[in-house]
Amino acid sequence: MMNRALNQGVQAGRNEPVMSDQDLNNLFDQPAAQNRNAGPQTAERAMTYDDVMMKTGVLFAILLAGAVVGWFVPPLALPAMLIALVLGLVNAFKKEPSKALIIGYAVFEGVFLGGISAIFEAQFSGIVVQAVLATLCVFGVMLALFKFKGVRYGSKMKKFMMIAIGGYAIFSLINFGIAMFTGTGGARSIEINIMGFEMPLGVIIGIVATVLAAMTLIMDFQMIEQGVKQQIPEKYSWMCAFSLMVTLVWLYIEILRLISYFRN
C-alpha cells in the first residue's frame, strides 16, 4: 500500500508544476486528509457468546437482588408484576435495545418473583427449591438438545411458536383479570374428570405451558447463535440476554404452579 501510494505520488509529481516555498508551507499547515474525513463514530464491535453470557449473568444477579426484596415483602409482588409487564412489553417492541429498560425490568421482575415464591413457599414448604432445580434441569436438557442433537426450528415452526406464545399470553392476561375480579383461580381452578381422576384444568394448562416455555428456549439459543454468526452489533447482546431471562422466569413460574397442584 505504501509503495503504491508512493509511486502514485511520484507519477503525479511529474505532471504537476513545481510548487513554491510558500505553497509547500501552506500545504503542510493543512490538517491531514484522513483526519478531515474521519467521523466521530467508529464501527461497533460484533456480538460474541461471551457478551451474551456476561449480560445474562448481570441480569440474573439483579433479578436475584430484587427477589430478595420481594421474598421479605411479598405484598410488593403485584405492583412489581404490573410494572415489569409494562417494561417487558416496551422492551419487546423497541427496535433498539435499551440497557436501562432491560435492567429496570430485571429489578421489578425479581421483586415479583421473590414475592410469589414466598407466597408459594408459605403454603408448600420446599416447593421453591423443587421448582428451581426442575427449571435448571429443563434448561440443561434443552441446551444439550440444541448443542449436541442439532435441534433447530425452521420458519414454519417459528411462526407456530410465536402464535402459540401470543395465544397463551392473551389467555393468561384474561384469566388473570377474571381471577382478580372473582377471587378464584379463573379457568385454572375448573375441575375436570379424566379417566375417573378429578383434577383442576390448571394441571393441563400448566403442562402445556411448561412444554411451550421449554421449547421457547430453543428459539432463544437459535437467536443467539444466528446473531453471533451474522456478527450483529454487541449492543444486541442485551436483547438476547433479556429474551433468555424472560423465558427462564416464565418456565420457573409454570413449574412452580404445576408442582403446587400436585402438592395440593
C-alpha atoms as a PDB file:
ATOM      1  CA  MET A   1       0.000   0.000   0.000  1.00  0.00           C
ATOM      2  CA  MET A   2       2.760   2.429   0.913  1.00  0.00           C
ATOM      3  CA  ASN A   3       4.766   1.622  -2.254  1.00  0.00           C
ATOM      4  CA  ARG A   4       1.696   2.114  -4.431  1.00  0.00           C
ATOM      5  CA  ALA A   5       0.908   5.452  -2.815  1.00  0.00           C
ATOM      6  CA  LEU A   6       4.498   6.497  -3.188  1.00  0.00           C
ATOM      7  CA  ASN A   7       4.506   5.552  -6.883  1.00  0.00           C
ATOM      8  CA  GLN A   8       1.280   7.448  -7.433  1.00  0.00           C
ATOM      9  CA  GLY A   9       2.775  10.467  -5.754  1.00  0.00           C
ATOM     10  CA  VAL A  10       5.837  10.272  -7.954  1.00  0.00           C
ATOM     11  CA  GLN A  11       3.749   9.999 -11.127  1.00  0.00           C
ATOM     12  CA  ALA A  12       1.591  12.919 -10.040  1.00  0.00           C
ATOM     13  CA  GLY A  13       4.667  14.981  -9.277  1.00  0.00           C
ATOM     14  CA  ARG A  14       5.913  14.512 -12.814  1.00  0.00           C
ATOM     15  CA  ASN A  15       2.781  16.043 -14.260  1.00  0.00           C
ATOM     16  CA  GLU A  16       2.330  18.881 -11.770  1.00  0.00           C
ATOM     17  CA  PRO A  17       4.174  22.239 -11.889  1.00  0.00           C
ATOM     18  CA  VAL A  18       6.857  22.927  -9.324  1.00  0.00           C
ATOM     19  CA  MET A  19       5.409  24.422  -6.111  1.00  0.00           C
ATOM     20  CA  SER A  20       6.891  27.472  -4.436  1.00  0.00           C
ATOM     21  CA  ASP A  21       8.184  27.506  -0.868  1.00  0.00           C
ATOM     22  CA  GLN A  22       5.070  29.376   0.291  1.00  0.00           C
ATOM     23  CA  ASP A  23       2.799  26.807  -1.375  1.00  0.00           C
ATOM     24  CA  LEU A  24       4.645  23.971   0.353  1.00  0.00           C
ATOM     25  CA  ASN A  25       4.329  25.671   3.739  1.00  0.00           C
ATOM     26  CA  ASN A  26       0.594  26.181   3.236  1.00  0.00           C
ATOM     27  CA  LEU A  27       0.195  22.528   2.214  1.00  0.00           C
ATOM     28  CA  PHE A  28       1.960  21.196   5.310  1.00  0.00           C
ATOM     29  CA  ASP A  29      -0.019  23.521   7.583  1.00  0.00           C
ATOM     30  CA  GLN A  30      -3.315  21.943   6.481  1.00  0.00           C
ATOM     31  CA  PRO A  31      -4.750  19.013   8.545  1.00  0.00           C
ATOM     32  CA  ALA A  32      -4.271  15.549   7.137  1.00  0.00           C
ATOM     33  CA  ALA A  33      -6.972  14.356   4.753  1.00  0.00           C
ATOM     34  CA  GLN A  34      -7.573  11.314   6.926  1.00  0.00           C
ATOM     35  CA  ASN A  35      -8.266  13.490   9.964  1.00  0.00           C
ATOM     36  CA  ARG A  36     -10.541  15.812   7.990  1.00  0.00           C
ATOM     37  CA  ASN A  37     -12.652  12.954   6.677  1.00  0.00           C
ATOM     38  CA  ALA A  38     -12.707  10.797   9.814  1.00  0.00           C
ATOM     39  CA  GLY A  39     -16.043  10.881  11.612  1.00  0.00           C
ATOM     40  CA  PRO A  40     -16.549  10.865  15.381  1.00  0.00           C
ATOM     41  CA  GLN A  41     -18.098   7.390  15.314  1.00  0.00           C
ATOM     42  CA  THR A  42     -16.338   4.074  14.931  1.00  0.00           C
ATOM     43  CA  ALA A  43     -17.722   0.703  13.873  1.00  0.00           C
ATOM     44  CA  GLU A  44     -19.301  -1.185  16.768  1.00  0.00           C
ATOM     45  CA  ARG A  45     -17.798  -4.485  17.855  1.00  0.00           C
ATOM     46  CA  ALA A  46     -19.653  -7.645  16.848  1.00  0.00           C
ATOM     47  CA  MET A  47     -21.553  -9.648  19.445  1.00  0.00           C
ATOM     48  CA  THR A  48     -19.975 -12.798  20.912  1.00  0.00           C
ATOM     49  CA  TYR A  49     -21.206 -15.663  23.074  1.00  0.00           C
ATOM     50  CA  ASP A  50     -19.215 -14.225  25.978  1.00  0.00           C
ATOM     51  CA  ASP A  51     -21.118 -10.947  25.649  1.00  0.00           C
ATOM     52  CA  VAL A  52     -24.458 -12.737  25.946  1.00  0.00           C
ATOM     53  CA  MET A  53     -23.262 -14.866  28.886  1.00  0.00           C
ATOM     54  CA  MET A  54     -21.927 -11.828  30.728  1.00  0.00           C
ATOM     55  CA  LYS A  55     -25.107  -9.787  30.179  1.00  0.00           C
ATOM     56  CA  THR A  56     -27.255 -12.756  31.211  1.00  0.00           C
ATOM     57  CA  GLY A  57     -25.222 -13.165  34.403  1.00  0.00           C
ATOM     58  CA  VAL A  58     -25.592  -9.461  35.216  1.00  0.00           C
ATOM     59  CA  LEU A  59     -29.357  -9.533  34.669  1.00  0.00           C
ATOM     60  CA  PHE A  60     -29.832 -12.617  36.817  1.00  0.00           C
ATOM     61  CA  ALA A  61     -27.736 -11.081  39.601  1.00  0.00           C
ATOM     62  CA  ILE A  62     -30.043  -8.052  39.515  1.00  0.00           C
ATOM     63  CA  LEU A  63     -33.067 -10.350  39.331  1.00  0.00           C
ATOM     64  CA  LEU A  64     -31.939 -12.237  42.446  1.00  0.00           C
ATOM     65  CA  ALA A  65     -31.310  -8.993  44.312  1.00  0.00           C
ATOM     66  CA  GLY A  66     -34.868  -7.912  43.566  1.00  0.00           C
ATOM     67  CA  ALA A  67     -36.133 -11.370  44.527  1.00  0.00           C
ATOM     68  CA  VAL A  68     -34.621 -10.965  47.995  1.00  0.00           C
ATOM     69  CA  VAL A  69     -36.661  -7.786  48.467  1.00  0.00           C
ATOM     70  CA  GLY A  70     -39.826  -9.475  47.217  1.00  0.00           C
ATOM     71  CA  TRP A  71     -39.223 -12.532  49.404  1.00  0.00           C
ATOM     72  CA  PHE A  72     -39.257 -10.442  52.593  1.00  0.00           C
ATOM     73  CA  VAL A  73     -42.006  -8.079  51.393  1.00  0.00           C
ATOM     74  CA  PRO A  74     -44.487 -10.276  49.441  1.00  0.00           C
ATOM     75  CA  PRO A  75     -47.151  -7.519  49.077  1.00  0.00           C
ATOM     76  CA  LEU A  76     -44.823  -5.835  46.582  1.00  0.00           C
ATOM     77  CA  ALA A  77     -45.318  -8.739  44.163  1.00  0.00           C
ATOM     78  CA  LEU A  78     -48.476  -7.395  42.480  1.00  0.00           C
ATOM     79  CA  PRO A  79     -47.334  -3.806  41.742  1.00  0.00           C
ATOM     80  CA  ALA A  80     -43.907  -5.115  40.714  1.00  0.00           C
ATOM     81  CA  MET A  81     -45.560  -7.557  38.314  1.00  0.00           C
ATOM     82  CA  LEU A  82     -47.585  -4.786  36.650  1.00  0.00           C
ATOM     83  CA  ILE A  83     -44.519  -2.555  36.248  1.00  0.00           C
ATOM     84  CA  ALA A  84     -42.463  -5.480  34.925  1.00  0.00           C
ATOM     85  CA  LEU A  85     -45.236  -6.282  32.440  1.00  0.00           C
ATOM     86  CA  VAL A  86     -45.171  -2.755  31.038  1.00  0.00           C
ATOM     87  CA  LEU A  87     -41.367  -2.686  30.837  1.00  0.00           C
ATOM     88  CA  GLY A  88     -41.348  -6.129  29.223  1.00  0.00           C
ATOM     89  CA  LEU A  89     -43.752  -5.026  26.501  1.00  0.00           C
ATOM     90  CA  VAL A  90     -41.774  -1.839  25.857  1.00  0.00           C
ATOM     91  CA  ASN A  91     -38.531  -3.819  25.561  1.00  0.00           C
ATOM     92  CA  ALA A  92     -40.141  -6.410  23.307  1.00  0.00           C
ATOM     93  CA  PHE A  93     -41.342  -3.824  20.786  1.00  0.00           C
ATOM     94  CA  LYS A  94     -38.354  -1.484  20.792  1.00  0.00           C
ATOM     95  CA  LYS A  95     -36.249  -1.571  17.634  1.00  0.00           C
ATOM     96  CA  GLU A  96     -33.077  -0.762  19.554  1.00  0.00           C
ATOM     97  CA  PRO A  97     -32.264  -2.449  22.876  1.00  0.00           C
ATOM     98  CA  SER A  98     -32.305  -0.178  25.922  1.00  0.00           C
ATOM     99  CA  LYS A  99     -29.913  -1.210  28.665  1.00  0.00           C
ATOM    100  CA  ALA A 100     -31.696   0.911  31.284  1.00  0.00           C
ATOM    101  CA  LEU A 101     -35.149  -0.500  30.495  1.00  0.00           C
ATOM    102  CA  ILE A 102     -33.867  -4.082  30.466  1.00  0.00           C
ATOM    103  CA  ILE A 103     -32.177  -3.635  33.840  1.00  0.00           C
ATOM    104  CA  GLY A 104     -35.343  -1.984  35.175  1.00  0.00           C
ATOM    105  CA  TYR A 105     -37.338  -4.994  34.025  1.00  0.00           C
ATOM    106  CA  ALA A 106     -34.935  -7.333  35.838  1.00  0.00           C
ATOM    107  CA  VAL A 107     -35.361  -5.357  39.077  1.00  0.00           C
ATOM    108  CA  PHE A 108     -39.162  -5.400  39.137  1.00  0.00           C
ATOM    109  CA  GLU A 109     -39.429  -8.929  37.756  1.00  0.00           C
ATOM    110  CA  GLY A 110     -37.123 -10.026  40.566  1.00  0.00           C
ATOM    111  CA  VAL A 111     -39.334  -8.387  43.189  1.00  0.00           C
ATOM    112  CA  PHE A 112     -42.381 -10.125  41.726  1.00  0.00           C
ATOM    113  CA  LEU A 113     -40.573 -13.439  41.541  1.00  0.00           C
ATOM    114  CA  GLY A 114     -39.419 -13.224  45.150  1.00  0.00           C
ATOM    115  CA  GLY A 115     -42.880 -12.266  46.390  1.00  0.00           C
ATOM    116  CA  ILE A 116     -44.734 -15.006  44.530  1.00  0.00           C
ATOM    117  CA  SER A 117     -42.121 -17.550  45.587  1.00  0.00           C
ATOM    118  CA  ALA A 118     -42.549 -16.572  49.245  1.00  0.00           C
ATOM    119  CA  ILE A 119     -46.324 -16.991  48.952  1.00  0.00           C
ATOM    120  CA  PHE A 120     -45.982 -20.482  47.449  1.00  0.00           C
ATOM    121  CA  GLU A 121     -43.293 -21.442  49.972  1.00  0.00           C
ATOM    122  CA  ALA A 122     -45.584 -20.465  52.865  1.00  0.00           C
ATOM    123  CA  GLN A 123     -48.210 -22.885  51.557  1.00  0.00           C
ATOM    124  CA  PHE A 124     -45.951 -25.684  50.354  1.00  0.00           C
ATOM    125  CA  SER A 125     -42.660 -25.963  52.214  1.00  0.00           C
ATOM    126  CA  GLY A 126     -39.699 -26.728  49.938  1.00  0.00           C
ATOM    127  CA  ILE A 127     -41.569 -26.012  46.692  1.00  0.00           C
ATOM    128  CA  VAL A 128     -39.222 -23.189  45.654  1.00  0.00           C
ATOM    129  CA  VAL A 129     -36.161 -25.451  45.760  1.00  0.00           C
ATOM    130  CA  GLN A 130     -38.039 -28.077  43.760  1.00  0.00           C
ATOM    131  CA  ALA A 131     -39.081 -25.519  41.133  1.00  0.00           C
ATOM    132  CA  VAL A 132     -35.566 -24.066  40.841  1.00  0.00           C
ATOM    133  CA  LEU A 133     -33.988 -27.497  40.409  1.00  0.00           C
ATOM    134  CA  ALA A 134     -36.625 -28.514  37.859  1.00  0.00           C
ATOM    135  CA  THR A 135     -36.054 -25.290  35.908  1.00  0.00           C
ATOM    136  CA  LEU A 136     -32.298 -25.850  35.826  1.00  0.00           C
ATOM    137  CA  CYS A 137     -32.818 -29.450  34.682  1.00  0.00           C
ATOM    138  CA  VAL A 138     -35.129 -28.402  31.849  1.00  0.00           C
ATOM    139  CA  PHE A 139     -32.677 -25.679  30.814  1.00  0.00           C
ATOM    140  CA  GLY A 140     -29.819 -28.200  30.752  1.00  0.00           C
ATOM    141  CA  VAL A 141     -31.800 -30.712  28.714  1.00  0.00           C
ATOM    142  CA  MET A 142     -32.879 -28.146  26.121  1.00  0.00           C
ATOM    143  CA  LEU A 143     -29.351 -26.751  25.844  1.00  0.00           C
ATOM    144  CA  ALA A 144     -27.992 -30.279  25.310  1.00  0.00           C
ATOM    145  CA  LEU A 145     -30.617 -30.968  22.640  1.00  0.00           C
ATOM    146  CA  PHE A 146     -29.694 -27.746  20.889  1.00  0.00           C
ATOM    147  CA  LYS A 147     -25.940 -28.248  21.073  1.00  0.00           C
ATOM    148  CA  PHE A 148     -25.472 -31.981  20.609  1.00  0.00           C
ATOM    149  CA  LYS A 149     -28.606 -33.118  18.779  1.00  0.00           C
ATOM    150  CA  GLY A 150     -28.697 -30.115  16.475  1.00  0.00           C
ATOM    151  CA  VAL A 151     -32.327 -29.237  17.219  1.00  0.00           C
ATOM    152  CA  ARG A 152     -33.273 -26.164  15.183  1.00  0.00           C
ATOM    153  CA  TYR A 153     -36.556 -24.508  14.213  1.00  0.00           C
ATOM    154  CA  GLY A 154     -37.490 -23.704  10.643  1.00  0.00           C
ATOM    155  CA  SER A 155     -39.590 -20.732   9.584  1.00  0.00           C
ATOM    156  CA  LYS A 156     -42.885 -22.635   9.900  1.00  0.00           C
ATOM    157  CA  MET A 157     -42.047 -23.839  13.392  1.00  0.00           C
ATOM    158  CA  LYS A 158     -41.059 -20.328  14.434  1.00  0.00           C
ATOM    159  CA  LYS A 159     -44.397 -18.980  13.224  1.00  0.00           C
ATOM    160  CA  PHE A 160     -46.239 -21.708  15.120  1.00  0.00           C
ATOM    161  CA  MET A 161     -44.281 -20.913  18.284  1.00  0.00           C
ATOM    162  CA  MET A 162     -44.977 -17.187  18.007  1.00  0.00           C
ATOM    163  CA  ILE A 163     -48.697 -17.829  17.542  1.00  0.00           C
ATOM    164  CA  ALA A 164     -48.769 -20.281  20.469  1.00  0.00           C
ATOM    165  CA  ILE A 165     -46.852 -17.913  22.770  1.00  0.00           C
ATOM    166  CA  GLY A 166     -49.059 -14.975  21.792  1.00  0.00           C
ATOM    167  CA  GLY A 167     -52.226 -17.001  22.333  1.00  0.00           C
ATOM    168  CA  TYR A 168     -51.087 -18.184  25.734  1.00  0.00           C
ATOM    169  CA  ALA A 169     -50.114 -14.646  26.745  1.00  0.00           C
ATOM    170  CA  ILE A 170     -53.596 -13.358  25.847  1.00  0.00           C
ATOM    171  CA  PHE A 171     -55.231 -16.228  27.728  1.00  0.00           C
ATOM    172  CA  SER A 172     -53.073 -15.552  30.808  1.00  0.00           C
ATOM    173  CA  LEU A 173     -53.982 -11.849  30.861  1.00  0.00           C
ATOM    174  CA  ILE A 174     -57.710 -12.564  30.515  1.00  0.00           C
ATOM    175  CA  ASN A 175     -57.585 -15.327  33.114  1.00  0.00           C
ATOM    176  CA  PHE A 176     -55.655 -13.061  35.493  1.00  0.00           C
ATOM    177  CA  GLY A 177     -58.347 -10.401  35.152  1.00  0.00           C
ATOM    178  CA  ILE A 178     -61.098 -12.959  35.840  1.00  0.00           C
ATOM    179  CA  ALA A 179     -59.217 -14.289  38.856  1.00  0.00           C
ATOM    180  CA  MET A 180     -58.765 -10.773  40.277  1.00  0.00           C
ATOM    181  CA  PHE A 181     -62.459  -9.885  39.969  1.00  0.00           C
ATOM    182  CA  THR A 182     -63.882 -13.247  41.066  1.00  0.00           C
ATOM    183  CA  GLY A 183     -61.341 -14.120  43.753  1.00  0.00           C
ATOM    184  CA  THR A 184     -60.812 -17.582  42.229  1.00  0.00           C
ATOM    185  CA  GLY A 185     -58.176 -19.168  40.047  1.00  0.00           C
ATOM    186  CA  GLY A 186     -60.171 -18.434  36.909  1.00  0.00           C
ATOM    187  CA  ALA A 187     -60.149 -21.131  34.258  1.00  0.00           C
ATOM    188  CA  ARG A 188     -57.297 -22.915  36.008  1.00  0.00           C
ATOM    189  CA  SER A 189     -59.477 -23.766  39.012  1.00  0.00           C
ATOM    190  CA  ILE A 190     -62.184 -25.515  36.969  1.00  0.00           C
ATOM    191  CA  GLU A 191     -62.380 -29.183  37.957  1.00  0.00           C
ATOM    192  CA  ILE A 192     -62.291 -31.741  35.152  1.00  0.00           C
ATOM    193  CA  ASN A 193     -62.580 -35.525  35.087  1.00  0.00           C
ATOM    194  CA  ILE A 194     -60.070 -37.523  33.068  1.00  0.00           C
ATOM    195  CA  MET A 195     -60.440 -41.315  33.178  1.00  0.00           C
ATOM    196  CA  GLY A 196     -62.021 -41.135  36.612  1.00  0.00           C
ATOM    197  CA  PHE A 197     -59.436 -38.731  38.042  1.00  0.00           C
ATOM    198  CA  GLU A 198     -60.633 -35.364  39.293  1.00  0.00           C
ATOM    199  CA  MET A 199     -58.138 -32.570  38.710  1.00  0.00           C
ATOM    200  CA  PRO A 200     -58.154 -28.830  38.076  1.00  0.00           C
ATOM    201  CA  LEU A 201     -57.864 -27.656  34.489  1.00  0.00           C
ATOM    202  CA  GLY A 202     -54.767 -25.786  35.624  1.00  0.00           C
ATOM    203  CA  VAL A 203     -52.817 -29.058  35.579  1.00  0.00           C
ATOM    204  CA  ILE A 204     -53.368 -29.496  31.835  1.00  0.00           C
ATOM    205  CA  ILE A 205     -52.739 -25.811  31.188  1.00  0.00           C
ATOM    206  CA  GLY A 206     -49.579 -25.944  33.304  1.00  0.00           C
ATOM    207  CA  ILE A 207     -48.187 -28.949  31.435  1.00  0.00           C
ATOM    208  CA  VAL A 208     -48.841 -27.313  28.052  1.00  0.00           C
ATOM    209  CA  ALA A 209     -47.322 -24.010  29.215  1.00  0.00           C
ATOM    210  CA  THR A 210     -44.242 -25.717  30.662  1.00  0.00           C
ATOM    211  CA  VAL A 211     -43.613 -27.574  27.398  1.00  0.00           C
ATOM    212  CA  LEU A 212     -44.141 -24.346  25.450  1.00  0.00           C
ATOM    213  CA  ALA A 213     -41.692 -22.446  27.668  1.00  0.00           C
ATOM    214  CA  ALA A 214     -39.117 -25.225  27.320  1.00  0.00           C
ATOM    215  CA  MET A 215     -39.461 -25.163  23.536  1.00  0.00           C
ATOM    216  CA  THR A 216     -39.022 -21.388  23.575  1.00  0.00           C
ATOM    217  CA  LEU A 217     -35.531 -21.909  24.982  1.00  0.00           C
ATOM    218  CA  ILE A 218     -34.546 -23.432  21.633  1.00  0.00           C
ATOM    219  CA  MET A 219     -35.685 -20.236  19.919  1.00  0.00           C
ATOM    220  CA  ASP A 220     -33.544 -18.193  22.313  1.00  0.00           C
ATOM    221  CA  PHE A 221     -30.480 -20.380  21.718  1.00  0.00           C
ATOM    222  CA  GLN A 222     -31.012 -20.208  17.968  1.00  0.00           C
ATOM    223  CA  MET A 223     -31.387 -16.420  18.055  1.00  0.00           C
ATOM    224  CA  ILE A 224     -28.101 -16.075  19.941  1.00  0.00           C
ATOM    225  CA  GLU A 225     -26.325 -18.455  17.561  1.00  0.00           C
ATOM    226  CA  GLN A 226     -27.532 -16.616  14.463  1.00  0.00           C
ATOM    227  CA  GLY A 227     -26.659 -13.264  15.994  1.00  0.00           C
ATOM    228  CA  VAL A 228     -23.064 -14.333  16.621  1.00  0.00           C
ATOM    229  CA  LYS A 229     -22.703 -15.874  13.155  1.00  0.00           C
ATOM    230  CA  GLN A 230     -24.087 -12.787  11.435  1.00  0.00           C
ATOM    231  CA  GLN A 231     -21.878 -10.539  13.589  1.00  0.00           C
ATOM    232  CA  ILE A 232     -24.630  -8.236  14.755  1.00  0.00           C
ATOM    233  CA  PRO A 233     -23.576  -5.276  16.947  1.00  0.00           C
ATOM    234  CA  GLU A 234     -22.584  -6.027  20.530  1.00  0.00           C
ATOM    235  CA  LYS A 235     -25.422  -3.923  21.963  1.00  0.00           C
ATOM    236  CA  TYR A 236     -27.925  -6.592  20.889  1.00  0.00           C
ATOM    237  CA  SER A 237     -26.422  -8.991  23.434  1.00  0.00           C
ATOM    238  CA  TRP A 238     -28.612  -7.141  25.960  1.00  0.00           C
ATOM    239  CA  MET A 239     -31.692  -8.113  23.976  1.00  0.00           C
ATOM    240  CA  CYS A 240     -30.557 -11.744  23.741  1.00  0.00           C
ATOM    241  CA  ALA A 241     -29.932 -11.855  27.499  1.00  0.00           C
ATOM    242  CA  PHE A 242     -33.312 -10.221  28.135  1.00  0.00           C
ATOM    243  CA  SER A 243     -35.125 -12.794  25.994  1.00  0.00           C
ATOM    244  CA  LEU A 244     -33.372 -15.688  27.729  1.00  0.00           C
ATOM    245  CA  MET A 245     -34.198 -14.270  31.170  1.00  0.00           C
ATOM    246  CA  VAL A 246     -37.876 -13.814  30.295  1.00  0.00           C
ATOM    247  CA  THR A 247     -38.143 -17.415  29.100  1.00  0.00           C
ATOM    248  CA  LEU A 248     -36.449 -18.842  32.198  1.00  0.00           C
ATOM    249  CA  VAL A 249     -38.650 -16.799  34.534  1.00  0.00           C
ATOM    250  CA  TRP A 250     -41.732 -17.960  32.646  1.00  0.00           C
ATOM    251  CA  LEU A 251     -40.542 -21.574  32.843  1.00  0.00           C
ATOM    252  CA  TYR A 252     -39.891 -21.280  36.593  1.00  0.00           C
ATOM    253  CA  ILE A 253     -43.328 -19.807  37.321  1.00  0.00           C
ATOM    254  CA  GLU A 254     -45.108 -22.505  35.303  1.00  0.00           C
ATOM    255  CA  ILE A 255     -43.164 -25.262  37.052  1.00  0.00           C
ATOM    256  CA  LEU A 256     -43.808 -23.650  40.446  1.00  0.00           C
ATOM    257  CA  ARG A 257     -47.534 -23.523  39.762  1.00  0.00           C
ATOM    258  CA  LEU A 258     -47.591 -27.059  38.335  1.00  0.00           C
ATOM    259  CA  ILE A 259     -45.842 -28.533  41.369  1.00  0.00           C
ATOM    260  CA  SER A 260     -48.311 -26.773  43.642  1.00  0.00           C
ATOM    261  CA  TYR A 261     -51.204 -28.668  42.023  1.00  0.00           C
ATOM    262  CA  PHE A 262     -49.584 -31.998  42.803  1.00  0.00           C
ATOM    263  CA  ARG A 263     -48.549 -30.884  46.296  1.00  0.00           C
ATOM    264  CA  ASN A 264     -52.123 -29.777  46.932  1.00  0.00           C
END
